[in-house]
């Protein structure tokens, strides 16, 4: 009787151990899947943030190039030279050629 009781107790413990191992593996896999999904979500959010930042930088570059081209325009430079600095436009008659002789 004592021996039967130990055998039944051993069988119950083995079943309980198997059940515990099954649930441990199941919850571990569930945790890994949830962790992977959370990691993908955070990476997707970082990608969106970096894309927004890149677009803002591209827009800034475009605006700076537009500003640079307007600052380098010949008409603007000519207007500043004549109006603010009092210079007069150069004509072909004003150009003198200096020839160095021998």
C-alpha atoms as a PDB file:
ATOM      1  CA  UNK A   1       0.000   0.000   0.000  1.00  0.00           C
ATOM      2  CA  UNK A   2       2.798   2.323   0.873  1.00  0.00           C
ATOM      3  CA  UNK A   3       4.561   1.381  -2.355  1.00  0.00           C
ATOM      4  CA  UNK A   4       1.421   1.984  -4.465  1.00  0.00           C
ATOM      5  CA  UNK A   5       0.986   5.366  -2.906  1.00  0.00           C
ATOM      6  CA  UNK A   6       4.589   6.318  -3.830  1.00  0.00           C
ATOM      7  CA  UNK A   7       4.061   5.138  -7.413  1.00  0.00           C
ATOM      8  CA  UNK A   8       0.872   7.187  -7.771  1.00  0.00           C
ATOM      9  CA  UNK A   9       2.581  10.149  -6.152  1.00  0.00           C
ATOM     10  CA  UNK A  10       5.494   9.792  -8.619  1.00  0.00           C
ATOM     11  CA  UNK A  11       3.112   9.611 -11.590  1.00  0.00           C
ATOM     12  CA  UNK A  12       1.272  12.722 -10.414  1.00  0.00           C
ATOM     13  CA  UNK A  13       4.561  14.570  -9.916  1.00  0.00           C
ATOM     14  CA  UNK A  14       5.773  13.587 -13.409  1.00  0.00           C
ATOM     15  CA  UNK A  15       2.501  14.755 -14.957  1.00  0.00           C
ATOM     16  CA  UNK A  16       2.680  17.977 -12.988  1.00  0.00           C
ATOM     17  CA  UNK A  17       6.295  18.492 -14.101  1.00  0.00           C
ATOM     18  CA  UNK A  18       5.350  17.869 -17.737  1.00  0.00           C
ATOM     19  CA  UNK A  19       2.446  20.297 -17.460  1.00  0.00           C
ATOM     20  CA  UNK A  20       4.672  22.915 -15.810  1.00  0.00           C
ATOM     21  CA  UNK A  21       7.323  22.529 -18.538  1.00  0.00           C
ATOM     22  CA  UNK A  22       4.670  22.793 -21.243  1.00  0.00           C
ATOM     23  CA  UNK A  23       3.275  26.032 -19.818  1.00  0.00           C
ATOM     24  CA  UNK A  24       6.765  27.425 -19.237  1.00  0.00           C
ATOM     25  CA  UNK A  25       7.691  26.824 -22.891  1.00  0.00           C
ATOM     26  CA  UNK A  26       4.305  28.144 -24.042  1.00  0.00           C
ATOM     27  CA  UNK A  27       4.620  31.375 -22.039  1.00  0.00           C
ATOM     28  CA  UNK A  28       8.251  31.791 -23.110  1.00  0.00           C
ATOM     29  CA  UNK A  29       7.237  31.551 -26.782  1.00  0.00           C
ATOM     30  CA  UNK A  30       4.348  33.924 -26.171  1.00  0.00           C
ATOM     31  CA  UNK A  31       6.721  36.393 -24.508  1.00  0.00           C
ATOM     32  CA  UNK A  32       9.179  36.137 -27.437  1.00  0.00           C
ATOM     33  CA  UNK A  33       6.425  36.825 -29.959  1.00  0.00           C
ATOM     34  CA  UNK A  34       5.126  39.796 -27.950  1.00  0.00           C
ATOM     35  CA  UNK A  35       8.668  41.145 -27.545  1.00  0.00           C
ATOM     36  CA  UNK A  36       9.278  40.837 -31.286  1.00  0.00           C
ATOM     37  CA  UNK A  37       6.065  42.706 -32.065  1.00  0.00           C
ATOM     38  CA  UNK A  38       6.924  45.495 -29.630  1.00  0.00           C
ATOM     39  CA  UNK A  39      10.411  45.754 -31.104  1.00  0.00           C
ATOM     40  CA  UNK A  40       8.973  45.967 -34.632  1.00  0.00           C
ATOM     41  CA  UNK A  41       6.564  48.675 -33.462  1.00  0.00           C
ATOM     42  CA  UNK A  42       9.358  50.772 -31.954  1.00  0.00           C
ATOM     43  CA  UNK A  43      11.523  50.334 -35.056  1.00  0.00           C
ATOM     44  CA  UNK A  44       8.617  51.376 -37.292  1.00  0.00           C
ATOM     45  CA  UNK A  45       8.128  54.492 -35.162  1.00  0.00           C
ATOM     46  CA  UNK A  46      11.851  55.333 -35.401  1.00  0.00           C
ATOM     47  CA  UNK A  47      11.719  54.891 -39.178  1.00  0.00           C
ATOM     48  CA  UNK A  48       8.747  57.275 -39.389  1.00  0.00           C
ATOM     49  CA  UNK A  49      10.544  59.857 -37.236  1.00  0.00           C
ATOM     50  CA  UNK A  50      13.716  59.606 -39.320  1.00  0.00           C
ATOM     51  CA  UNK A  51      11.697  59.884 -42.538  1.00  0.00           C
ATOM     52  CA  UNK A  52      10.004  63.039 -41.244  1.00  0.00           C
ATOM     53  CA  UNK A  53      13.377  64.474 -40.233  1.00  0.00           C
ATOM     54  CA  UNK A  54      14.885  63.621 -43.642  1.00  0.00           C
ATOM     55  CA  UNK A  55      11.958  65.292 -45.433  1.00  0.00           C
ATOM     56  CA  UNK A  56      12.356  68.413 -43.304  1.00  0.00           C
ATOM     57  CA  UNK A  57      16.084  68.514 -44.084  1.00  0.00           C
ATOM     58  CA  UNK A  58      15.437  68.052 -47.801  1.00  0.00           C
ATOM     59  CA  UNK A  59      12.940  70.928 -47.695  1.00  0.00           C
ATOM     60  CA  UNK A  60      15.487  73.063 -45.849  1.00  0.00           C
ATOM     61  CA  UNK A  61      18.141  72.252 -48.467  1.00  0.00           C
ATOM     62  CA  UNK A  62      15.726  73.190 -51.248  1.00  0.00           C
ATOM     63  CA  UNK A  63      14.868  76.511 -49.585  1.00  0.00           C
ATOM     64  CA  UNK A  64      18.551  77.294 -48.968  1.00  0.00           C
ATOM     65  CA  UNK A  65      19.347  76.566 -52.618  1.00  0.00           C
ATOM     66  CA  UNK A  66      16.525  78.877 -53.702  1.00  0.00           C
ATOM     67  CA  UNK A  67      17.840  81.591 -51.384  1.00  0.00           C
ATOM     68  CA  UNK A  68      21.378  81.091 -52.689  1.00  0.00           C
ATOM     69  CA  UNK A  69      20.299  81.335 -56.300  1.00  0.00           C
ATOM     70  CA  UNK A  70      18.363  84.534 -55.591  1.00  0.00           C
ATOM     71  CA  UNK A  71      21.369  86.013 -53.758  1.00  0.00           C
ATOM     72  CA  UNK A  72      23.661  85.140 -56.668  1.00  0.00           C
ATOM     73  CA  UNK A  73      21.424  86.574 -59.395  1.00  0.00           C
ATOM     74  CA  UNK A  74      23.119  89.175 -61.587  1.00  0.00           C
ATOM     75  CA  UNK A  75      20.105  91.493 -61.530  1.00  0.00           C
ATOM     76  CA  UNK A  76      20.153  91.662 -57.740  1.00  0.00           C
ATOM     77  CA  UNK A  77      23.892  92.345 -57.633  1.00  0.00           C
ATOM     78  CA  UNK A  78      23.534  95.002 -60.337  1.00  0.00           C
ATOM     79  CA  UNK A  79      20.676  96.661 -58.422  1.00  0.00           C
ATOM     80  CA  UNK A  80      22.671  96.783 -55.177  1.00  0.00           C
ATOM     81  CA  UNK A  81      25.732  98.143 -56.986  1.00  0.00           C
ATOM     82  CA  UNK A  82      23.838 100.945 -58.715  1.00  0.00           C
ATOM     83  CA  UNK A  83      21.335 101.911 -56.004  1.00  0.00           C
ATOM     84  CA  UNK A  84      23.199 101.399 -52.741  1.00  0.00           C
ATOM     85  CA  UNK A  85      26.814 101.852 -53.795  1.00  0.00           C
ATOM     86  CA  UNK A  86      26.289 104.483 -56.479  1.00  0.00           C
ATOM     87  CA  UNK A  87      28.127 102.562 -59.177  1.00  0.00           C
ATOM     88  CA  UNK A  88      27.282 102.927 -62.816  1.00  0.00           C
ATOM     89  CA  UNK A  89      27.046 100.066 -65.263  1.00  0.00           C
ATOM     90  CA  UNK A  90      30.117  99.446 -67.388  1.00  0.00           C
ATOM     91  CA  UNK A  91      29.721  99.757 -71.146  1.00  0.00           C
ATOM     92  CA  UNK A  92      32.044  98.525 -73.837  1.00  0.00           C
ATOM     93  CA  UNK A  93      33.282 102.090 -74.381  1.00  0.00           C
ATOM     94  CA  UNK A  94      34.534 102.249 -70.812  1.00  0.00           C
ATOM     95  CA  UNK A  95      36.860  99.309 -71.272  1.00  0.00           C
ATOM     96  CA  UNK A  96      40.436 100.272 -72.031  1.00  0.00           C
ATOM     97  CA  UNK A  97      42.926  97.770 -73.276  1.00  0.00           C
ATOM     98  CA  UNK A  98      46.473  98.117 -72.075  1.00  0.00           C
ATOM     99  CA  UNK A  99      49.035  96.621 -74.361  1.00  0.00           C
ATOM    100  CA  UNK A 100      52.465  96.120 -72.988  1.00  0.00           C
ATOM    101  CA  UNK A 101      55.080  96.891 -75.550  1.00  0.00           C
ATOM    102  CA  UNK A 102      58.484  95.538 -75.937  1.00  0.00           C
END
